[in-house]
N, C-alpha and C. Protein backbone atom coordinates (compact mmCIF):
# COMPACT_ATOMS: atom_id res chain seq x y z
N MET A 1 27.07 -82.65 -41.01
CA MET A 1 26.90 -81.29 -41.51
C MET A 1 26.21 -80.00 -40.37
N ALA A 2 26.91 -79.58 -39.87
CA ALA A 2 26.25 -78.51 -38.93
C ALA A 2 24.95 -77.59 -39.30
N ARG A 3 23.71 -77.74 -38.70
CA ARG A 3 22.48 -77.24 -38.79
C ARG A 3 22.81 -75.43 -38.59
N LYS A 4 22.17 -74.62 -39.68
CA LYS A 4 22.41 -73.34 -39.36
C LYS A 4 21.25 -72.65 -37.84
N LYS A 5 22.38 -72.29 -37.36
CA LYS A 5 21.17 -71.66 -36.04
C LYS A 5 20.00 -70.64 -36.59
N GLN A 6 18.91 -70.69 -36.35
CA GLN A 6 18.02 -69.99 -37.08
C GLN A 6 17.79 -68.58 -36.57
N ALA A 7 17.50 -67.95 -37.48
CA ALA A 7 18.04 -66.38 -37.19
C ALA A 7 16.51 -65.68 -36.03
N GLU A 8 16.91 -65.18 -35.18
CA GLU A 8 15.93 -64.89 -33.97
C GLU A 8 14.98 -63.31 -34.88
N ALA A 9 13.87 -63.43 -34.57
CA ALA A 9 13.16 -62.75 -35.28
C ALA A 9 13.37 -61.05 -34.13
N PRO A 10 13.41 -60.29 -35.27
CA PRO A 10 14.12 -58.77 -34.59
C PRO A 10 12.98 -58.22 -33.74
N HIS A 11 13.72 -57.40 -32.51
CA HIS A 11 12.56 -56.73 -31.73
C HIS A 11 13.13 -56.04 -31.22
N GLU A 12 12.24 -55.00 -30.89
CA GLU A 12 12.64 -53.47 -30.82
C GLU A 12 13.20 -53.20 -29.24
N GLU A 13 14.34 -52.50 -29.35
CA GLU A 13 14.28 -52.21 -28.01
C GLU A 13 14.02 -51.23 -27.04
N HIS A 14 13.69 -51.74 -25.54
CA HIS A 14 13.04 -50.02 -25.08
C HIS A 14 13.84 -49.75 -23.99
N ALA A 15 13.78 -48.50 -24.27
CA ALA A 15 14.49 -47.53 -22.94
C ALA A 15 14.15 -47.56 -21.53
N ASP A 16 15.20 -47.64 -20.82
CA ASP A 16 14.28 -47.77 -19.75
C ASP A 16 13.58 -46.23 -19.07
N GLU A 17 12.27 -46.56 -18.69
CA GLU A 17 11.49 -45.42 -18.67
C GLU A 17 11.22 -44.71 -16.94
N THR A 18 11.94 -45.30 -16.05
CA THR A 18 11.70 -45.24 -14.74
C THR A 18 11.75 -43.57 -14.37
N TRP A 19 12.39 -43.14 -15.17
CA TRP A 19 12.86 -42.11 -15.06
C TRP A 19 11.45 -40.73 -15.32
N LEU A 20 10.88 -41.66 -15.83
CA LEU A 20 9.24 -40.68 -15.73
C LEU A 20 8.59 -40.71 -14.09
N ILE A 21 8.83 -41.24 -14.04
CA ILE A 21 8.72 -41.44 -12.33
C ILE A 21 8.65 -39.63 -11.60
N PRO A 22 9.66 -39.45 -11.42
CA PRO A 22 10.47 -38.61 -10.70
C PRO A 22 9.95 -37.20 -11.94
N TYR A 23 10.45 -37.33 -13.38
CA TYR A 23 9.79 -36.27 -14.25
C TYR A 23 8.74 -36.35 -13.83
N SER A 24 7.56 -36.75 -14.00
CA SER A 24 5.93 -36.63 -13.35
C SER A 24 6.39 -35.96 -11.99
N ASP A 25 7.03 -36.16 -10.49
CA ASP A 25 6.75 -35.43 -9.74
C ASP A 25 6.90 -34.39 -9.70
N LEU A 26 8.08 -34.19 -10.41
CA LEU A 26 9.20 -32.62 -10.78
C LEU A 26 8.10 -31.73 -11.41
N LEU A 27 6.95 -31.74 -12.55
CA LEU A 27 5.95 -31.11 -13.39
C LEU A 27 4.92 -30.95 -11.95
N THR A 28 4.24 -31.74 -11.40
CA THR A 28 3.88 -31.59 -10.14
C THR A 28 4.37 -29.84 -9.23
N LEU A 29 5.20 -30.65 -8.72
CA LEU A 29 5.82 -29.91 -7.85
C LEU A 29 5.96 -27.90 -8.27
N LEU A 30 6.56 -28.12 -9.82
CA LEU A 30 6.24 -27.25 -10.34
C LEU A 30 4.59 -26.25 -10.68
N LEU A 31 3.79 -27.44 -10.61
CA LEU A 31 2.44 -26.60 -10.92
C LEU A 31 1.74 -26.36 -9.85
N ALA A 32 2.28 -26.71 -8.21
CA ALA A 32 2.05 -26.34 -7.28
C ALA A 32 2.89 -24.88 -6.89
N LEU A 33 3.76 -24.91 -7.45
CA LEU A 33 4.44 -23.85 -6.99
C LEU A 33 4.01 -22.37 -7.48
N PHE A 34 3.44 -22.81 -8.89
CA PHE A 34 2.71 -21.70 -10.12
C PHE A 34 1.31 -21.57 -9.42
N ILE A 35 0.77 -22.64 -8.79
CA ILE A 35 -0.81 -22.03 -8.26
C ILE A 35 0.15 -21.47 -6.99
N VAL A 36 0.99 -21.20 -6.28
CA VAL A 36 0.70 -21.08 -4.63
C VAL A 36 1.12 -19.46 -5.36
N LEU A 37 2.09 -19.27 -6.03
CA LEU A 37 2.78 -17.96 -6.48
C LEU A 37 1.70 -17.01 -7.08
N PHE A 38 0.60 -17.41 -7.61
CA PHE A 38 -0.53 -17.15 -8.55
C PHE A 38 -1.35 -16.54 -7.06
N ALA A 39 -1.69 -17.39 -6.30
CA ALA A 39 -2.43 -17.09 -4.97
C ALA A 39 -1.73 -16.08 -4.27
N SER A 40 -0.44 -16.24 -3.80
CA SER A 40 -0.07 -15.17 -3.23
C SER A 40 0.35 -13.61 -3.92
N SER A 41 -0.16 -13.63 -5.38
CA SER A 41 0.42 -12.36 -6.35
C SER A 41 -1.19 -11.43 -5.46
N SER A 42 -2.55 -11.88 -4.78
CA SER A 42 -3.62 -11.20 -4.76
C SER A 42 -3.47 -10.73 -3.09
N LEU A 43 -1.94 -11.18 -2.12
CA LEU A 43 -2.11 -11.08 -0.87
C LEU A 43 -2.02 -9.54 -0.71
N ASP A 44 -2.29 -9.15 0.61
CA ASP A 44 -2.52 -7.73 1.25
C ASP A 44 -0.63 -7.58 1.21
N LYS A 45 -0.26 -5.96 0.41
CA LYS A 45 0.76 -6.16 0.12
C LYS A 45 1.66 -5.70 1.39
N ALA A 46 0.44 -5.75 2.54
CA ALA A 46 1.57 -5.62 4.40
C ALA A 46 1.53 -6.82 4.59
N LYS A 47 1.23 -7.44 4.81
CA LYS A 47 1.46 -9.32 4.77
C LYS A 47 2.19 -9.62 3.87
N MET A 48 2.46 -9.13 2.74
CA MET A 48 3.63 -9.72 1.91
C MET A 48 4.91 -9.30 2.20
N GLU A 49 4.89 -7.81 2.60
CA GLU A 49 5.91 -7.60 2.52
C GLU A 49 6.87 -7.76 4.35
N GLN A 50 5.80 -8.04 4.96
CA GLN A 50 5.98 -8.87 6.59
C GLN A 50 7.29 -9.63 6.09
N ILE A 51 6.16 -10.75 4.94
CA ILE A 51 7.12 -11.74 5.17
C ILE A 51 8.57 -11.60 4.27
N THR A 52 8.11 -10.80 3.43
CA THR A 52 9.47 -10.73 2.64
C THR A 52 10.64 -9.43 3.21
N SER A 53 10.41 -9.20 4.82
CA SER A 53 11.29 -8.62 5.70
C SER A 53 11.52 -9.41 6.28
N ALA A 54 11.16 -10.66 6.87
CA ALA A 54 11.71 -11.87 7.84
C ALA A 54 12.59 -11.95 6.86
N PHE A 55 12.43 -12.76 5.57
CA PHE A 55 13.08 -13.33 4.93
C PHE A 55 14.51 -12.33 5.22
N SER A 56 14.37 -11.71 4.69
CA SER A 56 15.64 -10.64 4.61
C SER A 56 16.63 -10.30 5.71
N ALA A 57 16.03 -10.35 6.57
CA ALA A 57 16.56 -10.41 8.07
C ALA A 57 16.89 -11.94 8.43
N ALA A 58 16.45 -12.83 7.71
CA ALA A 58 17.10 -14.05 8.55
C ALA A 58 17.91 -14.19 7.71
N PHE A 59 18.37 -13.56 6.21
CA PHE A 59 19.73 -13.91 5.51
C PHE A 59 20.31 -12.37 5.57
N SER A 60 20.40 -11.58 6.50
CA SER A 60 21.26 -10.41 6.75
C SER A 60 21.33 -9.32 5.35
N SER A 61 20.02 -9.16 4.60
CA SER A 61 19.73 -8.60 3.62
C SER A 61 19.38 -7.20 3.35
N LEU A 62 19.27 -7.22 5.48
CA LEU A 62 19.00 -5.62 5.21
C LEU A 62 18.94 -5.15 6.99
N PRO A 63 20.04 -3.90 7.08
CA PRO A 63 20.33 -3.61 8.19
C PRO A 63 19.63 -3.98 9.62
N SER A 64 20.15 -4.64 10.54
CA SER A 64 18.80 -4.96 11.96
C SER A 64 18.31 -3.31 12.41
N ASP A 65 18.61 -2.44 11.83
CA ASP A 65 17.35 -1.85 12.51
C ASP A 65 16.27 -1.40 11.59
N GLN A 66 16.21 -1.96 10.02
CA GLN A 66 15.10 -1.82 9.18
C GLN A 66 14.46 -3.11 9.00
N ALA A 67 15.18 -4.23 9.47
CA ALA A 67 14.13 -5.61 9.65
C ALA A 67 13.29 -5.30 10.41
N LYS A 68 12.77 -4.75 11.46
CA LYS A 68 12.00 -4.52 11.93
C LYS A 68 10.66 -3.60 10.98
N GLY A 69 11.25 -2.84 10.22
CA GLY A 69 10.65 -1.89 9.67
C GLY A 69 9.55 -2.23 8.92
N THR A 70 8.36 -3.13 9.06
CA THR A 70 7.21 -3.59 7.95
C THR A 70 6.54 -2.68 8.12
N VAL A 71 5.58 -2.97 7.34
CA VAL A 71 4.15 -2.11 6.94
C VAL A 71 3.04 -2.03 8.21
N LEU A 72 2.66 -3.40 8.59
CA LEU A 72 2.58 -4.00 10.08
C LEU A 72 3.31 -3.22 11.22
N ASN A 73 4.07 -3.21 11.38
CA ASN A 73 4.61 -2.47 12.53
C ASN A 73 4.64 -1.53 12.68
N PHE A 74 4.21 -0.64 11.57
CA PHE A 74 4.82 0.76 11.57
C PHE A 74 3.01 1.03 11.94
N LEU A 75 1.59 0.13 11.29
CA LEU A 75 0.70 0.70 11.75
C LEU A 75 0.36 0.39 13.78
N GLU A 76 1.44 -0.61 13.74
CA GLU A 76 1.03 -0.61 15.34
C GLU A 76 1.51 0.23 16.03
N GLU A 77 3.21 0.85 15.45
CA GLU A 77 3.48 2.41 16.04
C GLU A 77 2.22 3.45 16.03
N VAL A 78 1.62 3.99 14.56
CA VAL A 78 0.82 4.93 14.77
C VAL A 78 -0.26 4.35 15.51
N LYS A 79 -0.66 3.47 15.94
CA LYS A 79 -1.73 3.30 16.91
C LYS A 79 -0.95 3.82 18.28
N GLU A 80 0.41 3.17 18.82
CA GLU A 80 0.71 4.38 20.21
C GLU A 80 0.31 5.48 19.85
N LEU A 81 0.79 6.31 19.00
CA LEU A 81 0.73 7.71 19.08
C LEU A 81 -0.46 8.20 19.52
N GLN A 82 -1.40 7.89 19.36
CA GLN A 82 -3.16 8.30 19.79
C GLN A 82 -2.81 9.35 18.78
N LEU A 83 -3.57 9.38 17.91
CA LEU A 83 -3.55 10.71 16.98
C LEU A 83 -5.05 11.35 16.93
N GLY A 84 -5.89 10.39 17.94
CA GLY A 84 -7.20 10.53 18.06
C GLY A 84 -8.24 9.98 16.87
N GLU A 85 -9.55 10.36 17.45
CA GLU A 85 -10.25 9.76 16.77
C GLU A 85 -10.83 9.96 15.22
N ASN A 86 -10.69 11.33 14.75
CA ASN A 86 -10.30 11.30 13.56
C ASN A 86 -9.46 11.08 12.39
N VAL A 87 -8.46 9.86 13.16
CA VAL A 87 -7.47 9.15 12.29
C VAL A 87 -7.70 7.69 12.24
N GLY A 88 -7.66 7.26 10.53
CA GLY A 88 -8.25 5.66 10.52
C GLY A 88 -6.98 5.19 9.67
N LEU A 89 -6.88 3.85 10.48
CA LEU A 89 -5.28 3.16 9.95
C LEU A 89 -5.88 2.03 8.98
N GLY A 90 -5.93 1.77 8.47
CA GLY A 90 -5.32 0.14 7.41
C GLY A 90 -4.34 0.14 6.78
N SER A 91 -4.57 -0.72 5.35
CA SER A 91 -3.48 -1.22 4.70
C SER A 91 -4.62 -1.60 3.09
N ASP A 92 -4.06 -1.78 2.40
CA ASP A 92 -4.38 -1.74 1.01
C ASP A 92 -2.99 -2.84 0.29
N PRO A 93 -2.88 -3.20 -1.10
CA PRO A 93 -2.48 -3.75 -1.18
C PRO A 93 -0.93 -2.76 -1.85
N ARG A 94 -1.36 -2.11 -1.68
CA ARG A 94 0.04 -0.84 -1.85
C ARG A 94 0.86 -0.44 -0.47
N GLY A 95 0.09 -0.81 0.57
CA GLY A 95 1.02 -0.60 1.90
C GLY A 95 -0.28 -0.02 3.02
N ALA A 96 0.39 0.49 3.88
CA ALA A 96 -0.46 1.08 4.53
C ALA A 96 -1.08 2.65 4.02
N VAL A 97 -1.99 2.47 5.17
CA VAL A 97 -3.33 3.66 5.17
C VAL A 97 -3.45 4.18 5.87
N MET A 98 -3.57 5.56 6.14
CA MET A 98 -4.11 6.58 7.43
C MET A 98 -5.19 7.59 6.59
N GLU A 99 -6.12 7.59 6.99
CA GLU A 99 -7.43 8.57 6.28
C GLU A 99 -7.68 9.47 7.84
N ILE A 100 -7.56 10.90 7.50
CA ILE A 100 -7.68 11.43 8.06
C ILE A 100 -9.10 12.60 7.88
N ALA A 101 -9.81 12.58 8.56
CA ALA A 101 -11.15 14.22 8.41
C ALA A 101 -10.03 15.25 8.26
N ASP A 102 -10.69 15.68 7.54
CA ASP A 102 -9.80 17.36 6.99
C ASP A 102 -10.17 18.39 8.41
N ILE A 103 -11.28 17.85 9.13
CA ILE A 103 -11.50 18.33 10.20
C ILE A 103 -10.27 18.90 11.60
N ALA A 104 -9.83 18.06 11.28
CA ALA A 104 -8.26 17.23 12.25
C ALA A 104 -6.80 17.84 11.60
N ILE A 105 -6.80 18.56 9.99
CA ILE A 105 -5.91 18.76 10.01
C ILE A 105 -6.05 20.27 9.19
N PHE A 106 -7.35 21.14 9.00
CA PHE A 106 -7.36 22.14 8.07
C PHE A 106 -8.26 23.11 8.52
N GLU A 107 -8.26 24.06 8.11
CA GLU A 107 -8.77 25.10 8.60
C GLU A 107 -10.76 24.81 7.71
N ASP A 108 -11.68 25.21 8.12
CA ASP A 108 -12.55 24.83 7.28
C ASP A 108 -12.83 25.41 5.96
N GLU A 109 -12.85 24.33 4.17
CA GLU A 109 -12.57 25.20 3.42
C GLU A 109 -11.47 25.54 2.47
N SER A 110 -10.28 25.25 3.36
CA SER A 110 -9.06 25.97 3.10
C SER A 110 -8.13 25.08 2.95
N ALA A 111 -6.70 25.69 2.62
CA ALA A 111 -5.74 24.49 2.58
C ALA A 111 -4.81 25.27 3.95
N GLN A 112 -4.92 25.48 4.86
CA GLN A 112 -4.21 26.18 5.98
C GLN A 112 -4.24 25.04 7.33
N ILE A 113 -3.27 25.22 7.35
CA ILE A 113 -2.96 23.60 7.99
C ILE A 113 -3.54 24.83 9.95
N ILE A 114 -4.06 23.54 10.60
CA ILE A 114 -4.29 24.40 11.88
C ILE A 114 -3.68 23.34 13.39
N PRO A 115 -3.21 24.46 14.52
CA PRO A 115 -2.07 24.10 15.31
C PRO A 115 -2.40 21.89 15.34
N GLU A 116 -4.06 21.51 15.80
CA GLU A 116 -3.84 20.32 16.13
C GLU A 116 -2.93 19.30 14.67
N GLY A 117 -3.81 19.91 13.56
CA GLY A 117 -2.88 19.35 12.64
C GLY A 117 -1.68 19.45 12.16
N HIS A 118 -1.10 20.22 13.23
CA HIS A 118 0.48 20.52 12.87
C HIS A 118 1.47 19.27 13.83
N ASN A 119 0.53 19.16 15.04
CA ASN A 119 0.69 18.06 15.88
C ASN A 119 0.64 16.71 15.64
N ILE A 120 -0.77 16.67 14.49
CA ILE A 120 -0.51 15.05 14.06
C ILE A 120 0.52 14.74 13.18
N LEU A 121 1.18 15.68 12.51
CA LEU A 121 1.96 15.64 11.01
C LEU A 121 3.44 15.82 11.91
N LYS A 122 3.54 16.16 12.39
CA LYS A 122 4.76 16.14 13.57
C LYS A 122 5.29 15.05 14.46
N LYS A 123 4.22 14.20 14.61
CA LYS A 123 4.04 12.87 14.95
C LYS A 123 4.43 11.93 14.15
N LEU A 124 3.76 12.08 13.71
CA LEU A 124 4.38 11.20 11.94
C LEU A 124 5.58 11.20 11.38
N SER A 125 5.57 12.03 11.15
CA SER A 125 7.20 12.82 10.73
C SER A 125 7.70 11.60 11.42
N GLY A 126 8.10 12.49 12.46
CA GLY A 126 8.92 11.54 13.54
C GLY A 126 8.88 9.89 13.31
N LEU A 127 7.94 9.54 13.34
CA LEU A 127 8.14 7.98 12.94
C LEU A 127 8.29 7.80 11.85
N LEU A 128 7.96 8.23 10.47
CA LEU A 128 8.66 8.16 9.35
C LEU A 128 10.07 8.17 9.55
N ASN A 129 10.53 9.35 10.16
CA ASN A 129 12.00 9.52 9.48
C ASN A 129 12.83 8.87 10.95
N SER A 130 12.32 7.71 11.16
CA SER A 130 12.81 6.61 12.04
C SER A 130 13.69 5.61 11.01
N ALA A 131 14.96 5.51 11.14
CA ALA A 131 15.94 4.40 10.72
C ALA A 131 15.25 3.29 9.69
N LYS A 132 14.11 2.67 10.58
CA LYS A 132 13.74 1.51 10.16
C LYS A 132 12.44 2.16 9.04
N TYR A 133 11.64 3.58 9.20
CA TYR A 133 10.78 3.43 7.82
C TYR A 133 11.05 4.54 6.96
N ARG A 134 13.05 4.87 7.35
CA ARG A 134 13.21 5.85 5.90
C ARG A 134 13.07 5.19 4.59
N ARG A 135 12.71 4.16 3.88
CA ARG A 135 13.02 3.28 2.70
C ARG A 135 12.28 3.85 2.24
N TYR A 136 10.53 4.27 3.27
CA TYR A 136 9.18 3.78 3.02
C TYR A 136 9.13 5.56 2.07
N ARG A 137 8.34 5.55 0.84
CA ARG A 137 7.19 6.57 0.27
C ARG A 137 6.67 7.13 0.75
N VAL A 138 6.06 7.69 0.89
CA VAL A 138 4.87 8.83 1.19
C VAL A 138 3.87 9.23 0.40
N ILE A 139 2.83 9.35 -0.30
CA ILE A 139 2.00 9.16 -1.04
C ILE A 139 0.68 10.17 -0.31
N ILE A 140 0.96 11.57 -0.62
CA ILE A 140 0.16 12.55 0.17
C ILE A 140 -1.94 12.73 -0.97
N GLU A 141 -2.63 12.59 -0.52
CA GLU A 141 -3.73 12.08 -0.84
C GLU A 141 -4.94 13.34 -0.62
N GLY A 142 -5.23 14.35 -1.14
CA GLY A 142 -6.60 15.22 -0.93
C GLY A 142 -7.59 14.92 -1.64
N HIS A 143 -8.39 14.92 -0.75
CA HIS A 143 -10.12 14.35 -0.98
C HIS A 143 -11.20 15.40 -0.66
N THR A 144 -11.75 15.74 -1.72
CA THR A 144 -13.12 16.20 -1.29
C THR A 144 -14.38 15.98 -1.38
N ASP A 145 -16.02 16.55 -0.96
CA ASP A 145 -16.91 16.62 -1.27
C ASP A 145 -17.41 17.00 -2.47
N ASP A 146 -18.51 17.22 -2.58
CA ASP A 146 -19.32 17.44 -4.82
C ASP A 146 -19.42 18.94 -4.46
N ARG A 147 -19.09 19.61 -3.26
CA ARG A 147 -19.56 21.06 -3.43
C ARG A 147 -18.45 21.43 -4.16
N LYS A 148 -18.32 23.22 -4.62
CA LYS A 148 -18.09 24.21 -4.96
C LYS A 148 -17.00 24.61 -3.89
N PRO A 149 -16.11 24.76 -3.58
CA PRO A 149 -15.31 25.33 -2.61
C PRO A 149 -15.83 27.08 -2.31
N ASN A 150 -16.45 27.13 -1.21
CA ASN A 150 -16.65 29.02 -1.19
C ASN A 150 -15.70 29.55 -0.89
N ASN A 151 -14.79 29.70 -0.93
CA ASN A 151 -13.18 30.80 -1.04
C ASN A 151 -13.06 30.31 -2.01
N THR A 152 -12.31 32.06 -2.99
CA THR A 152 -12.02 32.60 -3.53
C THR A 152 -10.65 32.25 -4.21
N LEU A 153 -10.15 31.66 -3.53
CA LEU A 153 -8.68 31.05 -3.69
C LEU A 153 -8.73 29.59 -4.31
N TYR A 154 -9.40 28.94 -4.18
CA TYR A 154 -9.91 27.88 -5.03
C TYR A 154 -10.77 27.52 -5.89
N PRO A 155 -11.08 28.08 -7.13
CA PRO A 155 -11.62 28.19 -8.12
C PRO A 155 -12.99 26.72 -8.02
N SER A 156 -11.73 25.40 -7.57
CA SER A 156 -12.59 24.51 -7.79
C SER A 156 -12.16 23.61 -6.75
N ASN A 157 -12.85 22.41 -6.71
CA ASN A 157 -12.19 21.34 -5.53
C ASN A 157 -10.58 20.74 -6.30
N TRP A 158 -10.23 21.08 -7.45
CA TRP A 158 -9.25 20.47 -7.53
C TRP A 158 -7.78 21.42 -7.02
N GLU A 159 -8.28 22.30 -6.98
CA GLU A 159 -7.29 23.21 -6.31
C GLU A 159 -6.84 23.17 -4.72
N LEU A 160 -8.22 23.11 -4.33
CA LEU A 160 -8.84 22.92 -3.22
C LEU A 160 -7.48 21.95 -2.63
N SER A 161 -8.25 20.84 -3.09
CA SER A 161 -7.72 19.05 -2.70
C SER A 161 -5.64 19.27 -3.04
N SER A 162 -5.38 19.51 -4.06
CA SER A 162 -4.38 19.49 -4.55
C SER A 162 -3.61 20.46 -3.73
N MET A 163 -3.59 22.19 -2.62
CA MET A 163 -3.14 22.60 -2.26
C MET A 163 -3.18 22.31 -0.85
N ARG A 164 -4.12 21.30 0.02
CA ARG A 164 -4.38 20.66 1.22
C ARG A 164 -3.23 19.38 1.40
N ALA A 165 -2.75 18.93 0.05
CA ALA A 165 -1.55 18.08 -0.24
C ALA A 165 -0.75 18.19 -0.08
N GLY A 166 -0.34 19.28 -1.07
CA GLY A 166 0.87 19.92 -1.01
C GLY A 166 1.00 20.49 0.24
N ALA A 167 0.26 21.27 0.89
CA ALA A 167 0.46 21.53 1.91
C ALA A 167 0.43 20.82 3.34
N VAL A 168 0.73 19.89 3.35
CA VAL A 168 0.97 18.45 3.97
C VAL A 168 2.06 18.06 3.94
N VAL A 169 2.22 18.17 2.80
CA VAL A 169 3.76 17.70 2.13
C VAL A 169 5.00 18.46 2.75
N ARG A 170 4.92 20.14 2.28
CA ARG A 170 5.99 21.02 3.18
C ARG A 170 5.36 20.99 4.31
N ASP A 171 4.84 20.31 5.29
CA ASP A 171 5.05 20.63 6.46
C ASP A 171 5.83 19.38 7.40
N MET A 172 5.19 18.27 6.45
CA MET A 172 6.20 17.13 7.05
C MET A 172 7.93 17.31 6.26
N ILE A 173 7.76 18.06 5.15
CA ILE A 173 9.32 17.71 4.91
C ILE A 173 10.05 18.83 6.19
N GLU A 174 9.24 20.31 6.14
CA GLU A 174 9.92 21.20 7.76
C GLU A 174 10.27 20.33 8.78
N ASN A 175 9.43 19.44 8.80
CA ASN A 175 9.42 18.27 10.20
C ASN A 175 10.76 17.29 9.61
N GLY A 176 11.20 17.34 8.72
CA GLY A 176 13.09 17.01 8.44
C GLY A 176 12.60 15.62 7.45
N LEU A 177 11.13 15.34 6.90
CA LEU A 177 11.43 14.52 5.42
C LEU A 177 11.95 14.97 4.98
N ALA A 178 12.71 13.60 3.68
CA ALA A 178 13.58 14.11 2.94
C ALA A 178 12.33 14.24 1.64
N ALA A 179 12.58 14.99 0.85
CA ALA A 179 11.13 15.71 -0.23
C ALA A 179 11.19 14.81 -1.21
N SER A 180 12.64 14.09 -1.44
CA SER A 180 12.74 13.17 -2.33
C SER A 180 11.20 11.76 -2.16
N ARG A 181 11.06 12.15 -1.01
CA ARG A 181 10.41 10.39 -0.82
C ARG A 181 8.91 10.57 -1.02
N PHE A 182 8.26 12.31 -1.67
CA PHE A 182 6.75 12.20 -1.50
C PHE A 182 6.37 12.17 -2.91
N MET A 183 5.01 12.54 -3.03
CA MET A 183 3.98 12.90 -4.04
C MET A 183 2.53 13.36 -3.31
N ALA A 184 2.74 14.46 -4.31
CA ALA A 184 1.63 15.27 -3.55
C ALA A 184 0.17 15.25 -4.81
N VAL A 185 -1.06 14.59 -4.06
CA VAL A 185 -1.91 14.25 -5.54
C VAL A 185 -3.20 14.79 -4.95
N GLY A 186 -4.17 15.71 -5.69
CA GLY A 186 -5.14 16.23 -5.44
C GLY A 186 -6.46 15.87 -6.19
N MET A 187 -7.47 15.26 -5.68
CA MET A 187 -8.26 13.97 -6.27
C MET A 187 -9.84 14.67 -5.96
N ALA A 188 -9.50 16.16 -6.01
CA ALA A 188 -11.04 16.57 -5.94
C ALA A 188 -11.89 15.50 -5.13
N ASP A 189 -13.32 15.58 -6.02
CA ASP A 189 -14.73 14.94 -5.59
C ASP A 189 -14.52 13.26 -6.33
N ILE A 190 -13.44 12.80 -7.13
CA ILE A 190 -13.59 12.25 -7.91
C ILE A 190 -13.47 10.43 -7.41
N ALA A 191 -13.41 10.38 -6.46
CA ALA A 191 -13.34 9.05 -5.59
C ALA A 191 -13.32 9.05 -3.76
N PRO A 192 -14.75 9.39 -3.99
CA PRO A 192 -15.48 9.32 -2.77
C PRO A 192 -15.68 8.26 -1.73
N LYS A 193 -15.59 8.68 -0.81
CA LYS A 193 -15.68 7.47 0.20
C LYS A 193 -16.52 6.32 0.44
N LEU A 194 -17.64 7.35 -0.28
CA LEU A 194 -19.31 6.95 -0.07
C LEU A 194 -20.25 7.91 -0.89
N PRO A 195 -20.75 7.99 -1.15
CA PRO A 195 -22.06 8.68 -2.15
C PRO A 195 -22.12 9.85 -1.38
N ASN A 196 -21.95 11.23 -2.48
CA ASN A 196 -22.48 12.37 -1.88
C ASN A 196 -23.92 12.55 -1.53
N ARG A 197 -24.67 11.86 -2.73
CA ARG A 197 -25.69 11.55 -2.79
C ARG A 197 -26.52 10.37 -2.69
N ASN A 198 -27.91 10.85 -2.79
CA ASN A 198 -28.77 9.07 -2.91
C ASN A 198 -29.41 8.99 -3.89
N SER A 199 -29.87 8.03 -4.23
CA SER A 199 -30.69 7.95 -5.92
C SER A 199 -31.65 8.49 -6.04
N TYR A 200 -32.76 9.22 -5.58
CA TYR A 200 -33.00 10.76 -5.67
C TYR A 200 -31.97 11.96 -6.01
N GLY A 201 -31.11 12.27 -5.73
CA GLY A 201 -30.15 13.26 -5.97
C GLY A 201 -30.47 14.03 -4.55
N GLU A 202 -30.89 13.33 -3.90
CA GLU A 202 -30.22 14.66 -2.09
C GLU A 202 -29.14 14.07 -1.53
N VAL A 203 -28.78 15.40 -1.03
CA VAL A 203 -27.66 15.38 -0.45
C VAL A 203 -27.83 14.93 0.58
N ILE A 204 -26.67 13.97 1.45
CA ILE A 204 -26.10 13.14 2.47
C ILE A 204 -25.02 13.88 3.17
N PRO A 205 -25.33 15.03 3.92
CA PRO A 205 -24.67 15.61 5.06
C PRO A 205 -23.70 14.75 5.61
N GLY A 206 -24.25 13.37 6.68
CA GLY A 206 -22.80 12.85 6.33
C GLY A 206 -22.15 11.98 5.87
N ASN A 207 -22.12 11.86 4.73
CA ASN A 207 -21.58 11.06 4.13
C ASN A 207 -20.56 12.42 3.17
N ARG A 208 -20.96 13.77 2.88
CA ARG A 208 -20.43 14.70 2.26
C ARG A 208 -19.22 14.97 3.19
N LYS A 209 -19.68 14.57 4.86
CA LYS A 209 -18.42 14.79 6.05
C LYS A 209 -17.55 14.07 5.62
N GLN A 210 -17.11 12.48 5.50
CA GLN A 210 -16.81 11.69 5.21
C GLN A 210 -15.52 11.83 4.18
N ASN A 211 -16.28 12.16 3.46
CA ASN A 211 -15.66 12.40 1.76
C ASN A 211 -14.30 13.47 2.11
N ASN A 212 -14.88 14.67 2.83
CA ASN A 212 -13.39 15.07 3.07
C ASN A 212 -12.49 15.20 3.79
N ARG A 213 -11.33 14.43 3.19
CA ARG A 213 -10.74 13.61 3.91
C ARG A 213 -9.06 14.06 3.58
N LEU A 214 -7.97 13.56 4.21
CA LEU A 214 -6.49 13.38 3.93
C LEU A 214 -5.76 12.03 3.23
N ILE A 215 -5.79 11.21 2.76
CA ILE A 215 -5.34 10.04 2.74
C ILE A 215 -3.91 10.10 2.71
N ILE A 216 -3.08 9.36 3.68
CA ILE A 216 -1.62 9.29 3.61
C ILE A 216 -1.02 8.19 3.35
N ARG A 217 -0.50 7.79 2.04
CA ARG A 217 -0.17 6.17 1.79
C ARG A 217 1.38 5.89 2.23
N VAL A 218 1.75 4.68 3.37
CA VAL A 218 2.92 4.45 3.26
C VAL A 218 3.26 3.20 2.80
N GLU A 219 4.05 3.17 1.26
CA GLU A 219 4.38 2.39 0.69
C GLU A 219 6.12 2.25 0.46
N ILE A 220 6.88 0.48 -0.07
CA ILE A 220 8.22 0.86 -0.10
C ILE A 220 8.20 1.51 -1.85
């Protein structure tokens, strides 16, 4: 009589786990991507916009005349305008920044633009009205020091700084820029570049002079 075959002990089937290797590699790559994105979030907007425009030009998503209209290129072209020593250039996370001493644009303690100021604004308007920069927004900020204006037309620095910002916008619109591109802001003395007084409450005349300024921000 044939002997019965002894039953084999049951055992657990193991699925093929080689898929875990590419899966772990994918997770590693995703982690690296998020780290890069997080780090990039704090980049200067001028540099980031330069990168974006380069990609846009490569994939033809921007017209050729706009592909070169980056923040960095704009700053370079402003330098070529030779606007004088009273005009400072830079950038921040929002875009290009031009800081102009009030004496280069306005009469003392007034929103009346002087001839030199008209010339500066005319040159800037011509550049901003070129095709490659026409998509940029323009924000005008008026800033003062902590003194009350010695002019009955402006009861406080709020009126003076706001009128100055508005006067610049009006001048640039008259130079051909679209009104929809602008925003005018009067900052009075709430955002000084330097302290108006020292720790003893004494006036620092040089700082006051620098706090009276016009800031023009150019951003997408």
